[in-house]
Protein backbone atom coordinates (compact mmCIF):
# COMPACT_ATOMS: atom_id res chain seq x y z
CA MET A 1 -31.16 -41.30 12.63
CA GLU A 2 -32.12 -44.15 10.30
CA PRO A 3 -29.48 -46.93 9.82
CA ARG A 4 -29.36 -46.17 6.09
CA THR A 5 -28.75 -42.48 6.80
CA ILE A 6 -25.87 -43.39 9.12
CA THR A 7 -24.35 -45.61 6.41
CA ILE A 8 -24.58 -42.89 3.76
CA THR A 9 -23.09 -40.30 6.12
CA VAL A 10 -20.19 -42.58 6.99
CA VAL A 11 -19.52 -43.29 3.31
CA LEU A 12 -19.54 -39.58 2.48
CA LEU A 13 -17.16 -38.83 5.32
CA VAL A 14 -14.82 -41.58 4.18
CA VAL A 15 -14.87 -40.31 0.59
CA ILE A 16 -14.28 -36.69 1.59
CA THR A 17 -11.52 -37.67 4.00
CA SER A 18 -9.82 -39.90 1.42
CA ILE A 19 -9.87 -37.10 -1.15
CA GLY A 20 -8.24 -34.68 1.31
CA VAL A 21 -5.67 -37.20 2.49
CA GLY A 22 -4.80 -38.19 -1.09
CA LEU A 23 -4.16 -34.58 -2.05
CA SER A 24 -2.16 -33.83 1.09
CA TRP A 25 -0.14 -37.02 0.55
CA PHE A 26 0.62 -35.97 -3.02
CA ILE A 27 1.75 -32.48 -1.93
CA ASN A 28 3.89 -33.76 0.93
CA ARG A 29 5.44 -36.58 -1.10
CA ASN A 30 6.47 -34.21 -3.89
CA ARG A 31 7.11 -31.06 -1.83
CA GLY A 32 10.71 -30.78 -3.00
CA LYS A 33 9.63 -30.92 -6.64
CA LEU A 34 6.63 -28.60 -6.41
CA ASP A 35 6.41 -24.83 -6.22
CA THR A 36 4.08 -24.36 -3.27
CA ARG A 37 5.20 -20.88 -2.21
CA GLY A 38 2.41 -18.41 -1.56
CA TRP A 39 -0.55 -20.78 -1.88
CA THR A 40 -2.25 -23.47 0.15
CA ILE A 41 -5.16 -25.84 -0.45
CA VAL A 42 -8.24 -25.05 1.61
CA ARG A 43 -10.48 -27.87 0.40
CA GLN A 44 -11.48 -30.01 -2.56
CA LEU A 45 -15.10 -29.82 -3.61
CA ALA A 46 -14.92 -32.58 -6.22
CA ASN A 47 -12.40 -35.14 -7.39
CA ASP A 48 -13.56 -37.81 -9.84
CA ASP A 49 -12.96 -38.87 -13.43
CA ASP A 50 -15.02 -35.99 -14.81
CA LEU A 51 -14.21 -33.07 -12.57
CA THR A 52 -11.71 -31.81 -10.03
CA THR A 53 -12.65 -28.62 -8.16
CA THR A 54 -10.24 -27.16 -5.60
CA VAL A 55 -10.38 -24.08 -3.37
CA VAL A 56 -6.95 -22.47 -2.95
CA GLU A 57 -5.86 -19.68 -0.63
CA ILE A 58 -3.29 -17.12 -1.80
CA SER A 59 -1.12 -15.42 0.82
CA PRO A 60 -1.65 -11.62 1.00
CA GLU A 61 1.98 -10.92 0.03
CA SER A 62 1.58 -13.02 -3.12
CA VAL A 63 -1.85 -11.80 -4.17
CA LYS A 64 -0.50 -9.86 -7.18
CA ASP A 65 2.14 -12.39 -8.18
CA ARG A 66 0.82 -14.20 -11.25
CA SER A 67 3.51 -16.89 -10.97
CA VAL A 68 1.99 -18.08 -7.69
CA TYR A 69 -1.37 -18.71 -9.33
CA ASP A 70 0.33 -20.47 -12.24
CA ALA A 71 2.31 -22.67 -9.84
CA ALA A 72 -0.92 -23.82 -8.20
CA VAL A 73 -2.44 -24.53 -11.61
CA THR A 74 0.61 -26.54 -12.68
CA THR A 75 0.59 -28.56 -9.47
CA LEU A 76 -3.11 -29.32 -9.34
CA CYS A 77 -4.04 -29.49 -13.03
CA SER A 78 -0.90 -30.79 -14.73
CA LEU A 79 1.38 -32.74 -12.39
CA ARG A 80 -1.36 -34.54 -10.51
CA LYS A 81 -3.99 -36.88 -11.90
CA HIS A 82 -7.27 -35.03 -12.10
CA GLY A 83 -10.68 -35.10 -13.75
CA ASN A 84 -11.11 -34.17 -17.38
CA ILE A 85 -12.08 -30.71 -16.21
CA CYS A 86 -9.82 -29.09 -13.63
CA ILE A 87 -11.18 -26.04 -11.80
CA ILE A 88 -9.41 -23.94 -9.16
CA GLY A 89 -10.97 -21.06 -7.23
CA PHE A 90 -8.49 -18.65 -5.61
CA PHE A 91 -9.22 -16.66 -2.47
CA LEU A 92 -7.49 -14.51 0.13
CA PRO A 93 -7.47 -15.54 3.80
CA GLY A 94 -10.75 -14.46 5.34
CA ASP A 95 -12.66 -14.40 2.05
CA ASN A 96 -15.97 -16.21 1.96
CA SER A 97 -15.31 -19.30 -0.16
CA PRO A 98 -17.52 -22.22 -1.24
CA THR A 99 -17.70 -25.30 0.98
CA THR A 100 -19.87 -27.50 -1.23
CA GLY A 101 -20.74 -28.01 -4.88
CA ARG A 102 -19.06 -29.59 -7.88
CA LEU A 103 -19.76 -26.70 -10.26
CA VAL A 104 -19.58 -23.50 -8.26
CA LYS A 105 -21.19 -20.14 -9.00
CA TRP A 106 -17.98 -18.23 -8.36
CA GLY A 107 -19.75 -14.90 -8.76
CA ASP A 108 -21.57 -15.56 -5.49
CA PHE A 109 -18.25 -15.32 -3.64
CA LYS A 110 -15.44 -12.77 -3.31
CA THR A 111 -13.24 -14.69 -5.72
CA LEU A 112 -9.72 -13.58 -6.65
CA ALA A 113 -9.44 -15.76 -9.75
CA VAL A 114 -10.78 -18.95 -11.30
CA TRP A 115 -8.85 -21.38 -13.48
CA TRP A 116 -10.84 -23.61 -15.82
CA GLY A 117 -9.05 -26.29 -17.82
CA ASN A 118 -10.86 -28.74 -20.09
CA ASP A 119 -8.75 -31.59 -21.49
CA PHE A 120 -11.47 -32.50 -24.01
CA THR A 121 -11.57 -29.10 -25.70
CA SER A 122 -8.05 -27.95 -24.78
CA SER A 123 -9.65 -24.78 -23.42
CA LYS A 124 -7.49 -23.73 -20.50
CA GLU A 125 -7.58 -20.23 -19.07
CA TYR A 126 -8.41 -17.99 -16.14
CA THR A 127 -12.09 -17.23 -16.53
CA VAL A 128 -12.24 -14.88 -13.54
CA TRP A 129 -9.64 -12.34 -12.41
CA ASP A 130 -10.12 -9.61 -9.80
CA CYS A 131 -8.32 -6.73 -11.54
CA THR A 132 -8.22 -4.67 -8.33
CA ARG A 133 -7.08 -7.23 -5.77
CA ALA A 134 -5.11 -9.61 -8.00
CA GLY A 135 -3.76 -6.68 -9.99
CA VAL A 136 -3.47 -5.54 -13.59
CA GLU A 137 0.14 -6.59 -14.07
CA GLY A 138 0.18 -10.26 -15.00
CA SER A 139 -3.58 -10.39 -15.49
CA PRO A 140 -4.72 -12.83 -18.22
CA PRO A 141 -5.56 -11.19 -21.56
CA SER A 142 -9.11 -12.53 -21.50
CA THR A 143 -9.91 -10.54 -18.33
CA LEU A 144 -9.20 -7.17 -20.00
CA CYS A 145 -7.77 -5.55 -16.87
CA GLY A 146 -6.47 -1.99 -17.05
CA VAL A 147 -7.84 1.52 -17.51
CA GLY A 148 -9.79 1.67 -20.75
CA VAL A 149 -8.85 -1.87 -21.84
CA LYS A 150 -12.41 -3.24 -22.00
CA GLU A 151 -13.51 -0.13 -23.87
CA ALA A 152 -10.55 -0.37 -26.26
CA TYR A 153 -11.33 -4.01 -26.98
CA ASP A 154 -14.90 -3.02 -27.78
CA VAL A 155 -13.63 -0.34 -30.17
CA ALA A 156 -11.38 -2.86 -31.93
CA LEU A 157 -14.33 -5.22 -32.40
CA ARG A 158 -16.65 -2.56 -33.73
CA LEU A 159 -14.04 -0.93 -35.95
CA GLY A 160 -13.28 -4.32 -37.46
CA LEU A 161 -16.94 -5.08 -38.01
CA ARG A 162 -17.47 -1.66 -39.62
CA GLN A 163 -14.45 -2.08 -41.88
CA GLY A 164 -15.38 -5.58 -43.04
CA THR A 165 -19.10 -4.89 -43.41
CA GLY A 166 -18.34 -1.61 -45.17
CA GLU A 167 -16.24 -3.49 -47.73
CA PHE A 168 -19.06 -6.00 -48.31
CA CYS A 169 -21.77 -3.33 -48.52
CA HIS A 170 -19.61 -0.75 -50.33
CA TRP A 171 -20.22 1.87 -47.65
CA PRO A 172 -18.14 5.06 -47.74
CA LEU A 173 -15.22 5.14 -45.27
CA LEU A 174 -16.03 6.09 -41.70
CA GLY A 175 -13.36 8.61 -40.69
CA ASP A 176 -9.80 7.35 -40.54
CA ILE A 177 -10.13 3.84 -39.11
CA PRO A 178 -6.38 3.02 -39.41
CA ALA A 179 -5.49 6.20 -37.46
CA THR A 180 -8.04 5.41 -34.75
CA LEU A 181 -6.73 1.86 -34.52
CA SER A 182 -3.15 3.13 -34.31
CA THR A 183 -4.05 5.44 -31.41
CA LEU A 184 -5.88 2.59 -29.75
CA LEU A 185 -2.85 0.30 -29.94
CA SER A 186 -0.55 3.04 -28.68
CA ASP A 187 -2.72 3.69 -25.62
CA MET A 188 -2.93 -0.01 -24.81
CA ALA A 189 0.81 -0.70 -25.29
CA LYS A 190 1.49 -0.22 -21.58
CA TYR A 191 -0.78 -3.20 -20.86
CA GLY A 192 0.75 -5.34 -23.61
CA ARG A 193 -2.58 -5.59 -25.41
CA GLU A 194 -1.51 -4.69 -28.97
CA GLU A 195 -1.59 -8.21 -30.41
CA GLN A 196 -4.84 -9.03 -28.65
CA LEU A 197 -6.52 -5.94 -30.12
CA LYS A 198 -5.04 -6.53 -33.58
CA SER A 199 -6.35 -10.09 -33.53
CA ALA A 200 -9.82 -8.98 -32.40
CA TYR A 201 -9.91 -6.35 -35.14
CA ALA A 202 -8.78 -8.78 -37.85
CA LYS A 203 -11.35 -11.41 -36.85
CA MET A 204 -14.17 -8.89 -36.98
CA VAL A 205 -13.02 -7.54 -40.36
CA GLU A 206 -13.23 -11.07 -41.72
CA SER A 207 -16.60 -11.57 -40.06
CA GLY A 208 -17.89 -8.36 -41.64
CA ARG A 209 -16.66 -9.36 -45.08
CA ASN A 210 -18.55 -12.65 -44.80
CA VAL A 211 -21.76 -11.11 -43.50
CA GLY A 212 -23.51 -11.85 -46.81
CA ARG A 213 -22.78 -15.55 -46.48
CA THR A 214 -23.60 -15.86 -42.79
CA GLU A 215 -26.74 -13.70 -42.84
CA ARG A 216 -28.93 -14.20 -45.90
CA GLY A 217 -30.68 -11.08 -47.06
CA TYR A 218 -28.47 -8.76 -44.99
CA ASP A 219 -29.91 -5.26 -45.54
CA CYS A 220 -26.85 -3.03 -45.99
CA SER A 221 -28.84 0.20 -46.18
CA ALA A 222 -30.85 -0.56 -43.03
CA TYR A 223 -27.81 -1.44 -40.92
CA HIS A 224 -25.44 1.29 -42.16
CA ALA A 225 -26.48 3.94 -39.63
CA LYS A 226 -26.73 1.39 -36.80
CA VAL A 227 -23.19 0.06 -37.33
CA ASP A 228 -21.79 3.59 -37.55
CA ALA A 229 -23.60 4.52 -34.33
CA LEU A 230 -22.11 1.49 -32.56
CA VAL A 231 -18.62 2.61 -33.59
CA ASP A 232 -19.24 6.18 -32.42
CA GLU A 233 -20.58 4.90 -29.10
CA ALA A 234 -17.59 2.60 -28.53
CA VAL A 235 -15.04 5.30 -29.39
CA SER A 236 -16.81 7.78 -27.12
CA ASN A 237 -16.80 5.29 -24.21
CA TRP A 238 -13.13 4.50 -24.76
CA ARG A 239 -12.08 8.17 -24.83
CA ALA A 240 -14.12 8.87 -21.72
CA ALA A 241 -12.51 5.94 -19.93
CA MET A 242 -9.01 7.04 -20.92
CA SER A 243 -9.71 10.63 -19.94
CA HIS A 244 -11.07 9.51 -16.59
CA GLY A 245 -8.05 7.25 -16.09
CA ARG A 246 -5.63 10.08 -16.79
CA ASN A 247 -7.40 12.66 -14.67
CA ALA A 248 -8.78 10.55 -11.85
CA LYS A 249 -6.13 9.99 -9.25
CA ARG A 250 -5.69 6.86 -7.23
CA PRO A 251 -7.57 7.03 -3.92
CA GLU A 252 -4.50 8.13 -1.97
CA PHE A 253 -3.84 10.97 -4.43
CA ARG A 254 -7.47 12.09 -4.32
CA GLN A 255 -7.11 12.21 -0.55
CA MET A 256 -3.84 14.10 -0.93
CA ALA A 257 -5.46 16.74 -3.10
CA ARG A 258 -8.28 17.16 -0.61
CA TRP A 259 -5.92 17.41 2.34
CA LEU A 260 -3.66 19.87 0.52
CA LEU A 261 -6.63 22.15 -0.06
CA VAL A 262 -7.48 21.92 3.63
CA TRP A 263 -3.87 22.58 4.60
CA ILE A 264 -3.49 25.54 2.24
CA SER A 265 -6.71 26.99 3.63
CA MET A 266 -5.41 26.60 7.17
CA VAL A 267 -2.03 28.11 6.33
CA ARG A 268 -3.64 31.03 4.55
CA THR A 269 -5.69 31.66 7.64
CA LEU A 270 -2.80 31.28 10.09
CA ILE A 271 -0.34 33.40 8.14
CA SER A 272 -0.86 35.87 5.35
CA ILE A 273 -0.44 34.24 1.97
CA ASN A 274 2.38 36.65 1.09
CA GLN A 275 4.33 35.49 4.09
CA VAL A 276 3.72 31.85 3.17
CA TRP A 277 5.18 32.36 -0.28
CA ALA A 278 8.05 34.42 1.10
CA GLU A 279 9.00 31.79 3.69
CA GLN A 280 8.45 28.78 1.39
CA PRO A 281 8.24 26.33 4.32
CA ASP A 282 10.13 23.13 3.57
CA ILE A 283 7.69 20.39 4.49
CA GLU A 284 9.26 17.11 5.49
CA ILE A 285 6.19 15.21 6.65
CA MET A 286 2.49 15.94 6.26
CA LEU A 287 -0.16 13.58 7.62
CA GLY A 288 -3.93 13.80 7.93
CA SER A 289 -6.22 11.88 10.23
CA HIS A 290 -10.02 11.50 10.24
CA GLY A 291 -12.16 11.14 13.32
CA SER A 292 -14.11 13.20 15.84
CA CYS A 293 -13.17 16.26 17.84
CA ASP A 294 -14.33 15.38 21.34
CA GLU A 295 -13.18 18.61 22.95
CA LEU A 296 -11.68 21.91 21.80
CA ILE A 297 -10.91 24.69 24.26
CA ILE A 298 -9.41 28.01 23.11
CA ALA A 299 -8.31 30.59 25.68
CA GLY A 300 -10.34 28.82 28.33
CA LYS A 301 -13.56 28.77 26.29
CA LYS A 302 -15.20 25.73 24.76
CA ASP A 303 -15.27 25.69 20.98
CA SER A 304 -16.10 23.21 18.21
CA CYS A 305 -14.13 21.82 15.30
CA THR A 306 -15.01 21.99 11.62
CA PRO A 307 -17.66 19.51 10.42
CA ASP A 308 -15.07 17.44 8.52
CA ASN A 309 -13.47 16.48 11.88
CA SER A 310 -9.91 16.22 10.62
CA VAL A 311 -6.53 17.03 12.09
CA LEU A 312 -3.28 17.76 10.27
CA TYR A 313 0.24 17.04 11.41
CA THR A 314 3.01 18.94 9.60
CA HIS A 315 6.74 18.61 10.26
CA LEU A 316 9.17 21.10 8.71
CA ARG A 317 12.83 20.51 7.99
CA ASN A 318 13.76 23.24 10.47
CA GLY A 319 12.44 20.97 13.23
CA ARG A 320 9.19 22.79 13.88
CA ALA A 321 5.99 20.74 13.97
CA LEU A 322 2.34 21.77 13.93
CA ILE A 323 -0.87 19.97 14.86
CA THR A 324 -3.65 21.93 13.24
CA VAL A 325 -7.45 21.89 13.42
CA GLY A 326 -10.13 24.17 12.04
CA THR A 327 -13.01 25.62 14.04
CA ALA A 328 -16.65 25.70 13.05
CA ASP A 329 -16.58 29.49 12.64
CA GLY A 330 -13.69 29.41 10.16
CA ARG A 331 -10.69 29.99 12.41
CA VAL A 332 -7.63 27.75 12.50
CA VAL A 333 -5.80 26.65 15.64
CA GLY A 334 -2.22 25.49 15.38
CA PHE A 335 -0.41 23.77 18.27
CA VAL A 336 3.28 24.49 17.52
CA GLY A 337 6.43 22.96 18.94
CA GLU A 338 10.15 22.78 18.15
CA LYS A 339 10.97 19.70 20.21
CA ASP A 340 9.47 16.24 20.13
CA SER A 341 10.18 12.71 21.28
CA GLN A 342 8.92 9.19 20.79
CA PRO A 343 9.78 7.07 23.84
CA GLN A 344 7.66 4.21 22.48
CA PRO A 345 6.61 3.35 18.91
CA GLN A 346 2.97 3.86 19.90
CA VAL A 347 3.38 7.28 21.55
CA TYR A 348 4.63 10.55 20.03
CA TRP A 349 5.15 13.72 22.11
CA LEU A 350 5.31 17.27 20.77
CA TYR A 351 6.42 19.87 23.33
CA LEU A 352 4.48 23.04 22.66
CA SER A 353 5.93 26.55 22.60
CA ARG A 354 3.25 28.49 20.74
CA ILE A 355 -0.39 28.56 19.79
CA ARG A 356 -1.35 30.16 16.53
CA ILE A 357 -4.95 31.26 16.09
CA GLY A 358 -5.84 32.63 12.70
CA SER A 359 -8.87 34.01 10.98
CA ARG A 360 -9.08 35.74 7.66
CA GLY A 361 -6.97 38.87 7.80
CA SER A 362 -5.66 38.40 11.35
CA GLU A 363 -3.46 36.15 13.42
CA HIS A 364 -2.70 35.77 17.12
CA LEU A 365 0.55 34.18 18.22
CA LEU A 366 0.72 33.15 21.87
CA ASP A 367 3.58 31.73 23.91
CA VAL A 368 2.47 28.60 25.76
CA ALA A 369 3.79 25.62 27.66
CA GLY A 370 2.34 22.17 27.20
CA GLN A 371 2.36 19.12 25.00
CA CYS A 372 0.49 17.15 22.36
CA ILE A 373 0.45 13.36 22.51
CA ILE A 374 -0.39 11.19 19.52
CA ARG A 375 -1.22 7.57 20.27
CA MET A 376 -0.93 5.15 17.36
CA THR A 377 -0.31 1.58 16.29
CA LYS A 378 3.29 0.33 16.29
CA ASP A 379 3.60 0.84 12.56
CA GLY A 380 2.18 4.35 12.80
CA LEU A 381 -0.49 3.67 10.18
CA ILE A 382 -3.48 4.20 12.46
CA TRP A 383 -3.82 6.84 15.14
CA SER A 384 -6.16 6.30 18.07
CA ARG A 385 -5.99 9.71 19.80
CA VAL A 386 -4.48 13.18 19.57
CA ASP A 387 -4.49 15.02 22.90
CA CYS A 388 -3.09 18.53 23.26
CA ASP A 389 -2.99 20.53 26.48
CA ALA A 390 -1.28 23.89 27.04
CA THR A 391 -1.57 27.14 29.01
CA ASP A 392 -0.50 30.64 28.02
CA GLU A 393 1.16 33.36 30.12
CA ASN A 394 -2.23 34.35 31.56
CA SER A 395 -2.98 30.75 32.57
CA ALA A 396 -5.65 30.42 29.87
CA ARG A 397 -6.18 26.81 28.80
CA TYR A 398 -5.84 25.46 25.24
CA ARG A 399 -6.95 21.89 24.74
CA LEU A 400 -7.70 19.44 21.92
CA HIS A 401 -9.04 15.93 22.35
CA PHE A 402 -9.31 14.21 18.97
CA ARG A 403 -10.37 10.58 18.51
CA SER A 404 -9.57 8.75 15.27
CA ASP A 405 -12.23 6.78 13.42
CA GLY A 406 -9.77 3.91 12.87
CA ARG A 407 -8.90 4.68 9.27
CA PRO A 408 -5.20 4.78 8.32
CA VAL A 409 -3.63 8.22 8.19
CA ASP A 410 -3.34 9.91 4.83
CA VAL A 411 0.32 10.36 3.93
CA LEU A 412 0.50 13.65 2.09
CA ARG A 413 4.27 13.88 2.13
CA GLY A 414 7.13 11.91 3.60
CA LYS A 415 6.65 8.83 5.77
CA HIS A 416 3.55 7.62 7.56
CA ARG A 417 4.39 8.55 11.13
CA PRO A 418 5.43 11.67 13.09
CA SER A 419 9.11 11.95 13.90
């Protein structure tokens, strides 16, 4: 290495180290005065008279707490001396975050949020906000988080432009704009967006009224149909988004619906539907697990599970529990027990008394002796295996070896673990 290169490297190391030490010293010296809960500094990418850029890590339990982000902003961009522009990029532990660069392309990383404050222009706001991970509640208005919010904002802009331009051009009214705006504000009230939408609408009305001054030779007749089409498009997109938001369930509820259909199909096959409705089983816990069916033996003969490779655990309030799988030819096998135990958090035992084998229009109920063992994580969220082994009065073997794919169980009712 050239002597000059060594000198430059040493200087850079000294500068970087001094920046880090200075920041750590400031935090430690003022720890009693600062709100440092839920966030930590990972590194500073720049710290000079013009620009301060800091990478901050948010703890997982605080990821949706807006006050934690604001506390970091206050500490790093208000209480401490910084460059004229103060930038903070927020990340979760394990996220890929930038290690170099004064002005970062935050879109190249899995960024939770970005704060950008400019003392020259007094522009200070979150310019990036991950609506999914950082959450809708507490999200900055500029990020337009929430079902249908972006679409509603677009409607407000286009309605305002149509209203103002229509007044300037003396176009006939387009439907009932006040009624549409009122519905818009009502739908967005749950996100606290009313004032934001009103302001956007008012600004665009004013802009439309002044279109003759800002655009010389504005051709009212040529743009009439185009502006109306933009409004229709925006309203259509907003209604579609709201309809999708109302009808589309959260992922866990979509899973629940799918599992319930599977469960109902299995129950209908195991027991006649009339008997199901007559008994009205009182379900206490219902769980579903995904994975692969390594082995299925029914009455001593090898069989195969349904292609979806899923297993259901159902616990009734009368104490009975069932571990149920479907077969490739449309039958359903239920391993049934009235007694269970859990000697360790990771191991659940169900002591079997019956096997139920059902196909459409028929059912076989067999007395058996055996057990099912579910192995899981301590918190019960992830199962690793389900192993059932039983024999009937004729010594015929019934066996299930099911291996989970590592996904958390789907909680269809009750808590997330057998009991």
